[in-house]
Amino acid sequence: DEVKKAFAIIDQDNSGFIEEDELKLFLQ
């Protein structure tokens, strides 16, 4: 559940996926 919360934070555009542009800014 906590990993899913982290995913939701990283999925900036709320598409249900982390795309390459979101990965590039992952650390931010």
mmCIF file of all heavy atoms, coordinates in Angstrom:
data_MODEL
# 
_entry.id   MODEL 
# 
loop_
_atom_site.group_PDB 
_atom_site.id 
_atom_site.type_symbol 
_atom_site.label_atom_id 
_atom_site.label_alt_id 
_atom_site.label_comp_id 
_atom_site.label_asym_id 
_atom_site.label_entity_id 
_atom_site.label_seq_id 
_atom_site.pdbx_PDB_ins_code 
_atom_site.Cartn_x 
_atom_site.Cartn_y 
_atom_site.Cartn_z 
_atom_site.occupancy 
_atom_site.B_iso_or_equiv 
_atom_site.pdbx_formal_charge 
_atom_site.auth_seq_id 
_atom_site.auth_comp_id 
_atom_site.auth_asym_id 
_atom_site.auth_atom_id 
_atom_site.pdbx_PDB_model_num 
ATOM 1   N N   . ASP A 1 1  ? 0.833  -1.212 0.000   1.00 0.00 ? 1  ASP A N   1 
ATOM 2   C CA  . ASP A 1 1  ? 0.000  0.000  0.000   1.00 0.00 ? 1  ASP A CA  1 
ATOM 3   C C   . ASP A 1 1  ? 0.863  1.255  0.000   1.00 0.00 ? 1  ASP A C   1 
ATOM 4   O O   . ASP A 1 1  ? 0.547  2.231  -0.693  1.00 0.00 ? 1  ASP A O   1 
ATOM 5   C CB  . ASP A 1 1  ? -0.949 0.026  1.202   1.00 0.00 ? 1  ASP A CB  1 
ATOM 6   C CG  . ASP A 1 1  ? -2.148 -0.895 1.026   1.00 0.00 ? 1  ASP A CG  1 
ATOM 7   O OD1 . ASP A 1 1  ? -2.400 -1.350 -0.115  1.00 0.00 ? 1  ASP A OD1 1 
ATOM 8   O OD2 . ASP A 1 1  ? -2.839 -1.158 2.029   1.00 0.00 ? 1  ASP A OD2 1 
ATOM 9   N N   . GLU A 1 2  ? 1.950  1.240  0.777   1.00 0.00 ? 2  GLU A N   1 
ATOM 10  C CA  . GLU A 1 2  ? 2.845  2.403  0.822   1.00 0.00 ? 2  GLU A CA  1 
ATOM 11  C C   . GLU A 1 2  ? 3.590  2.572  -0.502  1.00 0.00 ? 2  GLU A C   1 
ATOM 12  O O   . GLU A 1 2  ? 3.801  3.696  -0.960  1.00 0.00 ? 2  GLU A O   1 
ATOM 13  C CB  . GLU A 1 2  ? 3.825  2.267  1.993   1.00 0.00 ? 2  GLU A CB  1 
ATOM 14  C CG  . GLU A 1 2  ? 3.123  2.423  3.338   1.00 0.00 ? 2  GLU A CG  1 
ATOM 15  C CD  . GLU A 1 2  ? 3.999  2.036  4.516   1.00 0.00 ? 2  GLU A CD  1 
ATOM 16  O OE1 . GLU A 1 2  ? 4.659  0.980  4.462   1.00 0.00 ? 2  GLU A OE1 1 
ATOM 17  O OE2 . GLU A 1 2  ? 4.004  2.804  5.491   1.00 0.00 ? 2  GLU A OE2 1 
ATOM 18  N N   . VAL A 1 3  ? 3.953  1.467  -1.132  1.00 0.00 ? 3  VAL A N   1 
ATOM 19  C CA  . VAL A 1 3  ? 4.605  1.530  -2.449  1.00 0.00 ? 3  VAL A CA  1 
ATOM 20  C C   . VAL A 1 3  ? 3.629  2.101  -3.475  1.00 0.00 ? 3  VAL A C   1 
ATOM 21  O O   . VAL A 1 3  ? 4.000  2.921  -4.318  1.00 0.00 ? 3  VAL A O   1 
ATOM 22  C CB  . VAL A 1 3  ? 5.144  0.142  -2.870  1.00 0.00 ? 3  VAL A CB  1 
ATOM 23  C CG1 . VAL A 1 3  ? 5.613  0.158  -4.320  1.00 0.00 ? 3  VAL A CG1 1 
ATOM 24  C CG2 . VAL A 1 3  ? 6.279  -0.292 -1.947  1.00 0.00 ? 3  VAL A CG2 1 
ATOM 25  N N   . LYS A 1 4  ? 2.353  1.741  -3.374  1.00 0.00 ? 4  LYS A N   1 
ATOM 26  C CA  . LYS A 1 4  ? 1.335  2.290  -4.281  1.00 0.00 ? 4  LYS A CA  1 
ATOM 27  C C   . LYS A 1 4  ? 1.149  3.792  -4.051  1.00 0.00 ? 4  LYS A C   1 
ATOM 28  O O   . LYS A 1 4  ? 0.940  4.547  -5.002  1.00 0.00 ? 4  LYS A O   1 
ATOM 29  C CB  . LYS A 1 4  ? 0.007  1.549  -4.117  1.00 0.00 ? 4  LYS A CB  1 
ATOM 30  C CG  . LYS A 1 4  ? 0.031  0.167  -4.717  1.00 0.00 ? 4  LYS A CG  1 
ATOM 31  C CD  . LYS A 1 4  ? -1.265 -0.578 -4.495  1.00 0.00 ? 4  LYS A CD  1 
ATOM 32  C CE  . LYS A 1 4  ? -1.148 -1.983 -5.062  1.00 0.00 ? 4  LYS A CE  1 
ATOM 33  N NZ  . LYS A 1 4  ? -2.329 -2.792 -4.805  1.00 0.00 ? 4  LYS A NZ  1 
ATOM 34  N N   . LYS A 1 5  ? 1.248  4.236  -2.797  1.00 0.00 ? 5  LYS A N   1 
ATOM 35  C CA  . LYS A 1 5  ? 1.176  5.678  -2.506  1.00 0.00 ? 5  LYS A CA  1 
ATOM 36  C C   . LYS A 1 5  ? 2.350  6.396  -3.159  1.00 0.00 ? 5  LYS A C   1 
ATOM 37  O O   . LYS A 1 5  ? 2.188  7.483  -3.732  1.00 0.00 ? 5  LYS A O   1 
ATOM 38  C CB  . LYS A 1 5  ? 1.207  5.929  -0.992  1.00 0.00 ? 5  LYS A CB  1 
ATOM 39  C CG  . LYS A 1 5  ? -0.089 5.624  -0.289  1.00 0.00 ? 5  LYS A CG  1 
ATOM 40  C CD  . LYS A 1 5  ? 0.047  5.903  1.202   1.00 0.00 ? 5  LYS A CD  1 
ATOM 41  C CE  . LYS A 1 5  ? -1.122 5.350  1.972   1.00 0.00 ? 5  LYS A CE  1 
ATOM 42  N NZ  . LYS A 1 5  ? -0.954 5.478  3.422   1.00 0.00 ? 5  LYS A NZ  1 
ATOM 43  N N   . ALA A 1 6  ? 3.540  5.794  -3.075  1.00 0.00 ? 6  ALA A N   1 
ATOM 44  C CA  . ALA A 1 6  ? 4.726  6.384  -3.703  1.00 0.00 ? 6  ALA A CA  1 
ATOM 45  C C   . ALA A 1 6  ? 4.539  6.463  -5.209  1.00 0.00 ? 6  ALA A C   1 
ATOM 46  O O   . ALA A 1 6  ? 4.856  7.478  -5.838  1.00 0.00 ? 6  ALA A O   1 
ATOM 47  C CB  . ALA A 1 6  ? 5.976  5.568  -3.360  1.00 0.00 ? 6  ALA A CB  1 
ATOM 48  N N   . PHE A 1 7  ? 3.988  5.400  -5.799  1.00 0.00 ? 7  PHE A N   1 
ATOM 49  C CA  . PHE A 1 7  ? 3.719  5.388  -7.240  1.00 0.00 ? 7  PHE A CA  1 
ATOM 50  C C   . PHE A 1 7  ? 2.812  6.559  -7.616  1.00 0.00 ? 7  PHE A C   1 
ATOM 51  O O   . PHE A 1 7  ? 3.067  7.269  -8.588  1.00 0.00 ? 7  PHE A O   1 
ATOM 52  C CB  . PHE A 1 7  ? 3.072  4.067  -7.659  1.00 0.00 ? 7  PHE A CB  1 
ATOM 53  C CG  . PHE A 1 7  ? 2.684  4.023  -9.107  1.00 0.00 ? 7  PHE A CG  1 
ATOM 54  C CD1 . PHE A 1 7  ? 3.576  3.598  -10.060 1.00 0.00 ? 7  PHE A CD1 1 
ATOM 55  C CD2 . PHE A 1 7  ? 1.412  4.417  -9.522  1.00 0.00 ? 7  PHE A CD2 1 
ATOM 56  C CE1 . PHE A 1 7  ? 3.225  3.565  -11.412 1.00 0.00 ? 7  PHE A CE1 1 
ATOM 57  C CE2 . PHE A 1 7  ? 1.049  4.393  -10.856 1.00 0.00 ? 7  PHE A CE2 1 
ATOM 58  C CZ  . PHE A 1 7  ? 1.959  3.965  -11.810 1.00 0.00 ? 7  PHE A CZ  1 
ATOM 59  N N   . ALA A 1 8  ? 1.759  6.768  -6.839  1.00 0.00 ? 8  ALA A N   1 
ATOM 60  C CA  . ALA A 1 8  ? 0.801  7.838  -7.125  1.00 0.00 ? 8  ALA A CA  1 
ATOM 61  C C   . ALA A 1 8  ? 1.465  9.213  -7.075  1.00 0.00 ? 8  ALA A C   1 
ATOM 62  O O   . ALA A 1 8  ? 1.109  10.112 -7.846  1.00 0.00 ? 8  ALA A O   1 
ATOM 63  C CB  . ALA A 1 8  ? -0.370 7.773  -6.153  1.00 0.00 ? 8  ALA A CB  1 
ATOM 64  N N   . ILE A 1 9  ? 2.440  9.391  -6.188  1.00 0.00 ? 9  ILE A N   1 
ATOM 65  C CA  . ILE A 1 9  ? 3.165  10.661 -6.102  1.00 0.00 ? 9  ILE A CA  1 
ATOM 66  C C   . ILE A 1 9  ? 4.039  10.858 -7.336  1.00 0.00 ? 9  ILE A C   1 
ATOM 67  O O   . ILE A 1 9  ? 4.094  11.942 -7.919  1.00 0.00 ? 9  ILE A O   1 
ATOM 68  C CB  . ILE A 1 9  ? 4.023  10.704 -4.820  1.00 0.00 ? 9  ILE A CB  1 
ATOM 69  C CG1 . ILE A 1 9  ? 3.111  10.748 -3.580  1.00 0.00 ? 9  ILE A CG1 1 
ATOM 70  C CG2 . ILE A 1 9  ? 4.991  11.892 -4.839  1.00 0.00 ? 9  ILE A CG2 1 
ATOM 71  C CD1 . ILE A 1 9  ? 3.820  10.467 -2.273  1.00 0.00 ? 9  ILE A CD1 1 
ATOM 72  N N   . ILE A 1 10 ? 4.701  9.796  -7.762  1.00 0.00 ? 10 ILE A N   1 
ATOM 73  C CA  . ILE A 1 10 ? 5.635  9.871  -8.897  1.00 0.00 ? 10 ILE A CA  1 
ATOM 74  C C   . ILE A 1 10 ? 4.892  9.994  -10.223 1.00 0.00 ? 10 ILE A C   1 
ATOM 75  O O   . ILE A 1 10 ? 5.366  10.627 -11.157 1.00 0.00 ? 10 ILE A O   1 
ATOM 76  C CB  . ILE A 1 10 ? 6.579  8.646  -8.874  1.00 0.00 ? 10 ILE A CB  1 
ATOM 77  C CG1 . ILE A 1 10 ? 7.414  8.684  -7.592  1.00 0.00 ? 10 ILE A CG1 1 
ATOM 78  C CG2 . ILE A 1 10 ? 7.474  8.605  -10.100 1.00 0.00 ? 10 ILE A CG2 1 
ATOM 79  C CD1 . ILE A 1 10 ? 8.049  7.369  -7.215  1.00 0.00 ? 10 ILE A CD1 1 
ATOM 80  N N   . ASP A 1 11 ? 3.687  9.420  -10.300 1.00 0.00 ? 11 ASP A N   1 
ATOM 81  C CA  . ASP A 1 11 ? 2.850  9.520  -11.499 1.00 0.00 ? 11 ASP A CA  1 
ATOM 82  C C   . ASP A 1 11 ? 2.223  10.916 -11.531 1.00 0.00 ? 11 ASP A C   1 
ATOM 83  O O   . ASP A 1 11 ? 1.051  11.104 -11.226 1.00 0.00 ? 11 ASP A O   1 
ATOM 84  C CB  . ASP A 1 11 ? 1.776  8.417  -11.454 1.00 0.00 ? 11 ASP A CB  1 
ATOM 85  C CG  . ASP A 1 11 ? 0.807  8.499  -12.618 1.00 0.00 ? 11 ASP A CG  1 
ATOM 86  O OD1 . ASP A 1 11 ? 1.136  9.135  -13.643 1.00 0.00 ? 11 ASP A OD1 1 
ATOM 87  O OD2 . ASP A 1 11 ? -0.297 7.932  -12.493 1.00 0.00 ? 11 ASP A OD2 1 
ATOM 88  N N   . GLN A 1 12 ? 3.018  11.889 -11.912 1.00 0.00 ? 12 GLN A N   1 
ATOM 89  C CA  . GLN A 1 12 ? 2.636  13.306 -11.853 1.00 0.00 ? 12 GLN A CA  1 
ATOM 90  C C   . GLN A 1 12 ? 1.374  13.646 -12.639 1.00 0.00 ? 12 GLN A C   1 
ATOM 91  O O   . GLN A 1 12 ? 0.601  14.493 -12.229 1.00 0.00 ? 12 GLN A O   1 
ATOM 92  C CB  . GLN A 1 12 ? 3.796  14.180 -12.348 1.00 0.00 ? 12 GLN A CB  1 
ATOM 93  C CG  . GLN A 1 12 ? 5.022  14.132 -11.463 1.00 0.00 ? 12 GLN A CG  1 
ATOM 94  C CD  . GLN A 1 12 ? 4.859  14.963 -10.212 1.00 0.00 ? 12 GLN A CD  1 
ATOM 95  O OE1 . GLN A 1 12 ? 4.485  16.118 -10.283 1.00 0.00 ? 12 GLN A OE1 1 
ATOM 96  N NE2 . GLN A 1 12 ? 5.140  14.371 -9.065  1.00 0.00 ? 12 GLN A NE2 1 
ATOM 97  N N   . ASP A 1 13 ? 1.179  12.996 -13.785 1.00 0.00 ? 13 ASP A N   1 
ATOM 98  C CA  . ASP A 1 13 ? 0.018  13.336 -14.607 1.00 0.00 ? 13 ASP A CA  1 
ATOM 99  C C   . ASP A 1 13 ? -1.197 12.439 -14.322 1.00 0.00 ? 13 ASP A C   1 
ATOM 100 O O   . ASP A 1 13 ? -2.210 12.524 -15.010 1.00 0.00 ? 13 ASP A O   1 
ATOM 101 C CB  . ASP A 1 13 ? 0.375  13.304 -16.101 1.00 0.00 ? 13 ASP A CB  1 
ATOM 102 C CG  . ASP A 1 13 ? 0.777  11.922 -16.601 1.00 0.00 ? 13 ASP A CG  1 
ATOM 103 O OD1 . ASP A 1 13 ? 0.751  10.940 -15.813 1.00 0.00 ? 13 ASP A OD1 1 
ATOM 104 O OD2 . ASP A 1 13 ? 1.137  11.813 -17.792 1.00 0.00 ? 13 ASP A OD2 1 
ATOM 105 N N   . ASN A 1 14 ? -1.080 11.592 -13.299 1.00 0.00 ? 14 ASN A N   1 
ATOM 106 C CA  . ASN A 1 14 ? -2.174 10.707 -12.886 1.00 0.00 ? 14 ASN A CA  1 
ATOM 107 C C   . ASN A 1 14 ? -2.713 9.830  -14.023 1.00 0.00 ? 14 ASN A C   1 
ATOM 108 O O   . ASN A 1 14 ? -3.897 9.544  -14.082 1.00 0.00 ? 14 ASN A O   1 
ATOM 109 C CB  . ASN A 1 14 ? -3.327 11.512 -12.271 1.00 0.00 ? 14 ASN A CB  1 
ATOM 110 C CG  . ASN A 1 14 ? -2.891 12.249 -11.036 1.00 0.00 ? 14 ASN A CG  1 
ATOM 111 O OD1 . ASN A 1 14 ? -2.249 11.676 -10.155 1.00 0.00 ? 14 ASN A OD1 1 
ATOM 112 N ND2 . ASN A 1 14 ? -3.201 13.532 -10.969 1.00 0.00 ? 14 ASN A ND2 1 
ATOM 113 N N   . SER A 1 15 ? -1.810 9.400  -14.893 1.00 0.00 ? 15 SER A N   1 
ATOM 114 C CA  . SER A 1 15 ? -2.208 8.566  -16.026 1.00 0.00 ? 15 SER A CA  1 
ATOM 115 C C   . SER A 1 15 ? -2.307 7.088  -15.645 1.00 0.00 ? 15 SER A C   1 
ATOM 116 O O   . SER A 1 15 ? -2.810 6.281  -16.431 1.00 0.00 ? 15 SER A O   1 
ATOM 117 C CB  . SER A 1 15 ? -1.191 8.715  -17.165 1.00 0.00 ? 15 SER A CB  1 
ATOM 118 O OG  . SER A 1 15 ? 0.061  8.165  -16.756 1.00 0.00 ? 15 SER A OG  1 
ATOM 119 N N   . GLY A 1 16 ? -1.804 6.742  -14.463 1.00 0.00 ? 16 GLY A N   1 
ATOM 120 C CA  . GLY A 1 16 ? -1.756 5.333  -14.073 1.00 0.00 ? 16 GLY A CA  1 
ATOM 121 C C   . GLY A 1 16 ? -0.459 4.676  -14.491 1.00 0.00 ? 16 GLY A C   1 
ATOM 122 O O   . GLY A 1 16 ? -0.261 3.478  -14.280 1.00 0.00 ? 16 GLY A O   1 
ATOM 123 N N   . PHE A 1 17 ? 0.432  5.475  -15.065 1.00 0.00 ? 17 PHE A N   1 
ATOM 124 C CA  . PHE A 1 17 ? 1.736  4.988  -15.515 1.00 0.00 ? 17 PHE A CA  1 
ATOM 125 C C   . PHE A 1 17 ? 2.802  6.037  -15.220 1.00 0.00 ? 17 PHE A C   1 
ATOM 126 O O   . PHE A 1 17 ? 2.511  7.237  -15.175 1.00 0.00 ? 17 PHE A O   1 
ATOM 127 C CB  . PHE A 1 17 ? 1.742  4.712  -17.026 1.00 0.00 ? 17 PHE A CB  1 
ATOM 128 C CG  . PHE A 1 17 ? 0.800  3.624  -17.430 1.00 0.00 ? 17 PHE A CG  1 
ATOM 129 C CD1 . PHE A 1 17 ? -0.477 3.923  -17.865 1.00 0.00 ? 17 PHE A CD1 1 
ATOM 130 C CD2 . PHE A 1 17 ? 1.180  2.292  -17.355 1.00 0.00 ? 17 PHE A CD2 1 
ATOM 131 C CE1 . PHE A 1 17 ? -1.369 2.927  -18.227 1.00 0.00 ? 17 PHE A CE1 1 
ATOM 132 C CE2 . PHE A 1 17 ? 0.300  1.278  -17.709 1.00 0.00 ? 17 PHE A CE2 1 
ATOM 133 C CZ  . PHE A 1 17 ? -0.977 1.598  -18.152 1.00 0.00 ? 17 PHE A CZ  1 
ATOM 134 N N   . ILE A 1 18 ? 4.034  5.571  -15.058 1.00 0.00 ? 18 ILE A N   1 
ATOM 135 C CA  . ILE A 1 18 ? 5.171  6.486  -14.959 1.00 0.00 ? 18 ILE A CA  1 
ATOM 136 C C   . ILE A 1 18 ? 5.858  6.423  -16.315 1.00 0.00 ? 18 ILE A C   1 
ATOM 137 O O   . ILE A 1 18 ? 6.389  5.380  -16.713 1.00 0.00 ? 18 ILE A O   1 
ATOM 138 C CB  . ILE A 1 18 ? 6.138  6.075  -13.826 1.00 0.00 ? 18 ILE A CB  1 
ATOM 139 C CG1 . ILE A 1 18 ? 5.413  6.058  -12.482 1.00 0.00 ? 18 ILE A CG1 1 
ATOM 140 C CG2 . ILE A 1 18 ? 7.334  7.035  -13.791 1.00 0.00 ? 18 ILE A CG2 1 
ATOM 141 C CD1 . ILE A 1 18 ? 6.238  5.472  -11.336 1.00 0.00 ? 18 ILE A CD1 1 
ATOM 142 N N   . GLU A 1 19 ? 5.792  7.543  -17.038 1.00 0.00 ? 19 GLU A N   1 
ATOM 143 C CA  . GLU A 1 19 ? 6.390  7.621  -18.363 1.00 0.00 ? 19 GLU A CA  1 
ATOM 144 C C   . GLU A 1 19 ? 7.827  8.131  -18.270 1.00 0.00 ? 19 GLU A C   1 
ATOM 145 O O   . GLU A 1 19 ? 8.269  8.590  -17.224 1.00 0.00 ? 19 GLU A O   1 
ATOM 146 C CB  . GLU A 1 19 ? 5.567  8.540  -19.277 1.00 0.00 ? 19 GLU A CB  1 
ATOM 147 C CG  . GLU A 1 19 ? 4.200  7.994  -19.630 1.00 0.00 ? 19 GLU A CG  1 
ATOM 148 C CD  . GLU A 1 19 ? 3.103  8.391  -18.643 1.00 0.00 ? 19 GLU A CD  1 
ATOM 149 O OE1 . GLU A 1 19 ? 3.339  9.219  -17.760 1.00 0.00 ? 19 GLU A OE1 1 
ATOM 150 O OE2 . GLU A 1 19 ? 1.997  7.835  -18.759 1.00 0.00 ? 19 GLU A OE2 1 
ATOM 151 N N   . GLU A 1 20 ? 8.526  8.082  -19.397 1.00 0.00 ? 20 GLU A N   1 
ATOM 152 C CA  . GLU A 1 20 ? 9.940  8.446  -19.440 1.00 0.00 ? 20 GLU A CA  1 
ATOM 153 C C   . GLU A 1 20 ? 10.195 9.859  -18.915 1.00 0.00 ? 20 GLU A C   1 
ATOM 154 O O   . GLU A 1 20 ? 11.154 10.088 -18.179 1.00 0.00 ? 20 GLU A O   1 
ATOM 155 C CB  . GLU A 1 20 ? 10.479 8.295  -20.866 1.00 0.00 ? 20 GLU A CB  1 
ATOM 156 C CG  . GLU A 1 20 ? 11.980 8.440  -20.952 1.00 0.00 ? 20 GLU A CG  1 
ATOM 157 C CD  . GLU A 1 20 ? 12.554 8.042  -22.304 1.00 0.00 ? 20 GLU A CD  1 
ATOM 158 O OE1 . GLU A 1 20 ? 11.860 7.385  -23.104 1.00 0.00 ? 20 GLU A OE1 1 
ATOM 159 O OE2 . GLU A 1 20 ? 13.715 8.399  -22.552 1.00 0.00 ? 20 GLU A OE2 1 
ATOM 160 N N   . ASP A 1 21 ? 9.339  10.825 -19.272 1.00 0.00 ? 21 ASP A N   1 
ATOM 161 C CA  . ASP A 1 21 ? 9.552  12.197 -18.810 1.00 0.00 ? 21 ASP A CA  1 
ATOM 162 C C   . ASP A 1 21 ? 9.395  12.302 -17.293 1.00 0.00 ? 21 ASP A C   1 
ATOM 163 O O   . ASP A 1 21 ? 10.077 13.090 -16.640 1.00 0.00 ? 21 ASP A O   1 
ATOM 164 C CB  . ASP A 1 21 ? 8.651  13.192 -19.541 1.00 0.00 ? 21 ASP A CB  1 
ATOM 165 C CG  . ASP A 1 21 ? 7.164  12.904 -19.375 1.00 0.00 ? 21 ASP A CG  1 
ATOM 166 O OD1 . ASP A 1 21 ? 6.785  11.728 -19.229 1.00 0.00 ? 21 ASP A OD1 1 
ATOM 167 O OD2 . ASP A 1 21 ? 6.370  13.860 -19.413 1.00 0.00 ? 21 ASP A OD2 1 
ATOM 168 N N   . GLU A 1 22 ? 8.511  11.497 -16.714 1.00 0.00 ? 22 GLU A N   1 
ATOM 169 C CA  . GLU A 1 22 ? 8.348  11.485 -15.257 1.00 0.00 ? 22 GLU A CA  1 
ATOM 170 C C   . GLU A 1 22 ? 9.541  10.791 -14.587 1.00 0.00 ? 22 GLU A C   1 
ATOM 171 O O   . GLU A 1 22 ? 9.963  11.195 -13.503 1.00 0.00 ? 22 GLU A O   1 
ATOM 172 C CB  . GLU A 1 22 ? 7.041  10.782 -14.869 1.00 0.00 ? 22 GLU A CB  1 
ATOM 173 C CG  . GLU A 1 22 ? 5.816  11.578 -15.265 1.00 0.00 ? 22 GLU A CG  1 
ATOM 174 C CD  . GLU A 1 22 ? 4.521  10.801 -15.150 1.00 0.00 ? 22 GLU A CD  1 
ATOM 175 O OE1 . GLU A 1 22 ? 4.480  9.603  -15.502 1.00 0.00 ? 22 GLU A OE1 1 
ATOM 176 O OE2 . GLU A 1 22 ? 3.525  11.418 -14.724 1.00 0.00 ? 22 GLU A OE2 1 
ATOM 177 N N   . LEU A 1 23 ? 10.083 9.772  -15.236 1.00 0.00 ? 23 LEU A N   1 
ATOM 178 C CA  . LEU A 1 23 ? 11.273 9.099  -14.692 1.00 0.00 ? 23 LEU A CA  1 
ATOM 179 C C   . LEU A 1 23 ? 12.471 10.031 -14.669 1.00 0.00 ? 23 LEU A C   1 
ATOM 180 O O   . LEU A 1 23 ? 13.259 10.004 -13.733 1.00 0.00 ? 23 LEU A O   1 
ATOM 181 C CB  . LEU A 1 23 ? 11.630 7.859  -15.517 1.00 0.00 ? 23 LEU A CB  1 
ATOM 182 C CG  . LEU A 1 23 ? 10.879 6.575  -15.205 1.00 0.00 ? 23 LEU A CG  1 
ATOM 183 C CD1 . LEU A 1 23 ? 11.386 5.449  -16.094 1.00 0.00 ? 23 LEU A CD1 1 
ATOM 184 C CD2 . LEU A 1 23 ? 11.011 6.195  -13.751 1.00 0.00 ? 23 LEU A CD2 1 
ATOM 185 N N   . LYS A 1 24 ? 12.614 10.839 -15.705 1.00 0.00 ? 24 LYS A N   1 
ATOM 186 C CA  . LYS A 1 24 ? 13.744 11.773 -15.778 1.00 0.00 ? 24 LYS A CA  1 
ATOM 187 C C   . LYS A 1 24 ? 13.762 12.683 -14.547 1.00 0.00 ? 24 LYS A C   1 
ATOM 188 O O   . LYS A 1 24 ? 14.815 13.000 -14.010 1.00 0.00 ? 24 LYS A O   1 
ATOM 189 C CB  . LYS A 1 24 ? 13.671 12.593 -17.056 1.00 0.00 ? 24 LYS A CB  1 
ATOM 190 C CG  . LYS A 1 24 ? 14.880 13.492 -17.250 1.00 0.00 ? 24 LYS A CG  1 
ATOM 191 C CD  . LYS A 1 24 ? 14.998 13.896 -18.687 1.00 0.00 ? 24 LYS A CD  1 
ATOM 192 C CE  . LYS A 1 24 ? 16.331 14.501 -19.008 1.00 0.00 ? 24 LYS A CE  1 
ATOM 193 N NZ  . LYS A 1 24 ? 17.463 13.602 -18.908 1.00 0.00 ? 24 LYS A NZ  1 
ATOM 194 N N   . LEU A 1 25 ? 12.588 13.067 -14.063 1.00 0.00 ? 25 LEU A N   1 
ATOM 195 C CA  . LEU A 1 25 ? 12.464 13.958 -12.911 1.00 0.00 ? 25 LEU A CA  1 
ATOM 196 C C   . LEU A 1 25 ? 12.179 13.185 -11.616 1.00 0.00 ? 25 LEU A C   1 
ATOM 197 O O   . LEU A 1 25 ? 11.753 13.765 -10.620 1.00 0.00 ? 25 LEU A O   1 
ATOM 198 C CB  . LEU A 1 25 ? 11.371 14.988 -13.178 1.00 0.00 ? 25 LEU A CB  1 
ATOM 199 C CG  . LEU A 1 25 ? 11.561 15.807 -14.454 1.00 0.00 ? 25 LEU A CG  1 
ATOM 200 C CD1 . LEU A 1 25 ? 10.388 16.737 -14.681 1.00 0.00 ? 25 LEU A CD1 1 
ATOM 201 C CD2 . LEU A 1 25 ? 12.871 16.584 -14.422 1.00 0.00 ? 25 LEU A CD2 1 
ATOM 202 N N   . PHE A 1 26 ? 12.428 11.890 -11.632 1.00 0.00 ? 26 PHE A N   1 
ATOM 203 C CA  . PHE A 1 26 ? 12.127 10.993 -10.520 1.00 0.00 ? 26 PHE A CA  1 
ATOM 204 C C   . PHE A 1 26 ? 12.637 11.502 -9.176  1.00 0.00 ? 26 PHE A C   1 
ATOM 205 O O   . PHE A 1 26 ? 11.901 11.551 -8.192  1.00 0.00 ? 26 PHE A O   1 
ATOM 206 C CB  . PHE A 1 26 ? 12.733 9.611  -10.818 1.00 0.00 ? 26 PHE A CB  1 
ATOM 207 C CG  . PHE A 1 26 ? 12.638 8.640  -9.688  1.00 0.00 ? 26 PHE A CG  1 
ATOM 208 C CD1 . PHE A 1 26 ? 11.452 7.985  -9.425  1.00 0.00 ? 26 PHE A CD1 1 
ATOM 209 C CD2 . PHE A 1 26 ? 13.739 8.375  -8.889  1.00 0.00 ? 26 PHE A CD2 1 
ATOM 210 C CE1 . PHE A 1 26 ? 11.356 7.082  -8.371  1.00 0.00 ? 26 PHE A CE1 1 
ATOM 211 C CE2 . PHE A 1 26 ? 13.650 7.474  -7.841  1.00 0.00 ? 26 PHE A CE2 1 
ATOM 212 C CZ  . PHE A 1 26 ? 12.462 6.829  -7.585  1.00 0.00 ? 26 PHE A CZ  1 
ATOM 213 N N   . LEU A 1 27 ? 13.908 11.900 -9.108  1.00 0.00 ? 27 LEU A N   1 
ATOM 214 C CA  . LEU A 1 27 ? 14.507 12.320 -7.838  1.00 0.00 ? 27 LEU A CA  1 
ATOM 215 C C   . LEU A 1 27 ? 13.846 13.577 -7.287  1.00 0.00 ? 27 LEU A C   1 
ATOM 216 O O   . LEU A 1 27 ? 13.797 13.784 -6.074  1.00 0.00 ? 27 LEU A O   1 
ATOM 217 C CB  . LEU A 1 27 ? 16.017 12.543 -7.998  1.00 0.00 ? 27 LEU A CB  1 
ATOM 218 C CG  . LEU A 1 27 ? 16.830 11.312 -8.381  1.00 0.00 ? 27 LEU A CG  1 
ATOM 219 C CD1 . LEU A 1 27 ? 18.294 11.687 -8.597  1.00 0.00 ? 27 LEU A CD1 1 
ATOM 220 C CD2 . LEU A 1 27 ? 16.707 10.209 -7.336  1.00 0.00 ? 27 LEU A CD2 1 
ATOM 221 N N   . GLN A 1 28 ? 13.314 14.422 -8.169  1.00 0.00 ? 28 GLN A N   1 
ATOM 222 C CA  . GLN A 1 28 ? 12.687 15.667 -7.741  1.00 0.00 ? 28 GLN A CA  1 
ATOM 223 C C   . GLN A 1 28 ? 11.361 15.427 -7.027  1.00 0.00 ? 28 GLN A C   1 
ATOM 224 O O   . GLN A 1 28 ? 10.837 16.330 -6.385  1.00 0.00 ? 28 GLN A O   1 
ATOM 225 C CB  . GLN A 1 28 ? 12.533 16.609 -8.932  1.00 0.00 ? 28 GLN A CB  1 
ATOM 226 C CG  . GLN A 1 28 ? 13.885 17.047 -9.452  1.00 0.00 ? 28 GLN A CG  1 
ATOM 227 C CD  . GLN A 1 28 ? 13.806 17.801 -10.756 1.00 0.00 ? 28 GLN A CD  1 
ATOM 228 O OE1 . GLN A 1 28 ? 12.737 18.096 -11.257 1.00 0.00 ? 28 GLN A OE1 1 
ATOM 229 N NE2 . GLN A 1 28 ? 14.968 18.099 -11.312 1.00 0.00 ? 28 GLN A NE2 1 
# 
